[in-house]
Amino acid sequence: FARQPLHPLHTSDLLWPGSNTFPTFPPPNATMAEESKSVTPFAAELIATANAISTPGKGILAADESTGTIGKRFAPIGVENIEENRRLYRQLLFTTKGLGQYISGAITFEETLFHKADDGTPFVELLKREGIIPGIKVDKGVKPIMGTDGETVTQGLTDLGARCARYYEAGARFAKWRGVVKISDSGAPSELAIQQTVQALARYASICQENGLVPIVEPEVLMDGTHSIERAAEVTERVLAAQYKALSDHHVLLEGTLLKPNMVRSGASAATKASMAEVGRATVRVLQHVVPVAVPGIMFLSGGMSELEATQALNEVNKFPGKKPWHLSFSYGRALQQSVLKAWKGDPKNIPAAQAALMVRAAANSAANKGTYTGEAADGAAAESLHVANYTY
């Protein structure tokens, strides 16, 4: 049968300008960015940004906790959740000398993107001085889907274009939107929840690229529950397959995107927990099945693992043999900051110790990105579980 084009085309549309012949692909002397200009005028910049974030040995610092979530982080260390304390804490993170050796991008909350340091320097400039690309969380949280077993859909599309344009002007060059999929004994995830999640992420990605921001696509399969690693692999593969179909349908430039998935693990309450080596194998196998090679970087979320577990799991992913055409690294929040918060405790005198703790965790995950982590920095807060059921940012 004759294969039909995905979109209506006239035969003349397939000819190169000034030519009477059909092109071969890729066309002679045409760069990827030039081919993609019809999708977005930011194509070259998007591709460059995505590849810069995917620099070997580097990952993302997720410092995008909402006002409510950062309050939960502050409470155990006795720090009041007011704007000035939030500014001081993020200033501590962003003024850490040498952080750019291990961190290529930092995700901020909207409030943080516009904050300034004590000397008046915008936080965006602090990050740039370290060679760290500023990013921004753009979703507005989840709402329940009626008639489901607690499944949700993420909000925030209505004014996203205008917000992205403002964030780009402020210096952000990539964005993050988190979708959430749950596994339950009742049969979740439903097809409805999967489609709502991946379609919202695809529309978000398209809007971001229209406005110059590299979209981090985050369809997180929660590890709450008693399910096996095999069940987690099945659901994660199903979700990611649907996600890339949706991104294709929305004409998203994959070379200018990043993926932020969960690692494939046993449920947090499973009777038998898979080993870290099994997590590495299952995760890579799922990615091999469904993630296109055009995607430059896969930046894993920590999903409630302890700082140590998140580093070990990333290391096993990168150690696993086989074809891995993407940069496999980290986009960690809790798994980079738990030790930092415990060292800081809101006291200015503790800033050097807190920044040293951040460098230790960043260095450990840099090594894990290369598959060379050997177990250093495994004591103290690093081994404490960070799992929170039905976690929200």
Foldseek 3Di string as FASTA:
>chain_A
DDDDDPDDDDPVVQDDPPDPDGADPPGPPADPQNVCVVLAVLSVVLLVLLVQQLDALAHEAEAADDLVRVCVLLVVLVDHSDPVLSQVVVCLQLQQPLLLVHYAEYEYEPSQLQDADPVRHRSLVSCVVSNHAYEYEQWDWWDADPPDPRATAIHGPPCLLVVLLVSVVSRHQAYEYAAEWEDDPVGPPDPVSLLRHLLVLLSSCSSNRNRRHAYAREYEYALADAAALVVLLVVQLVSLQSNVVNNVVSVHQQSSYEYEYEQRWGRPNHPDTDDLLVSLVSRLVSCVVHPDLSHAAYAYEQNQAFLQSSLSNLLSVLPDDDDDSYQYAHHYHRSQQSQLCVQPSVDPVSSVVSSVSNVVSSSSRSCSSNSRRDCPPCDDRRRDTRHDPPDDD
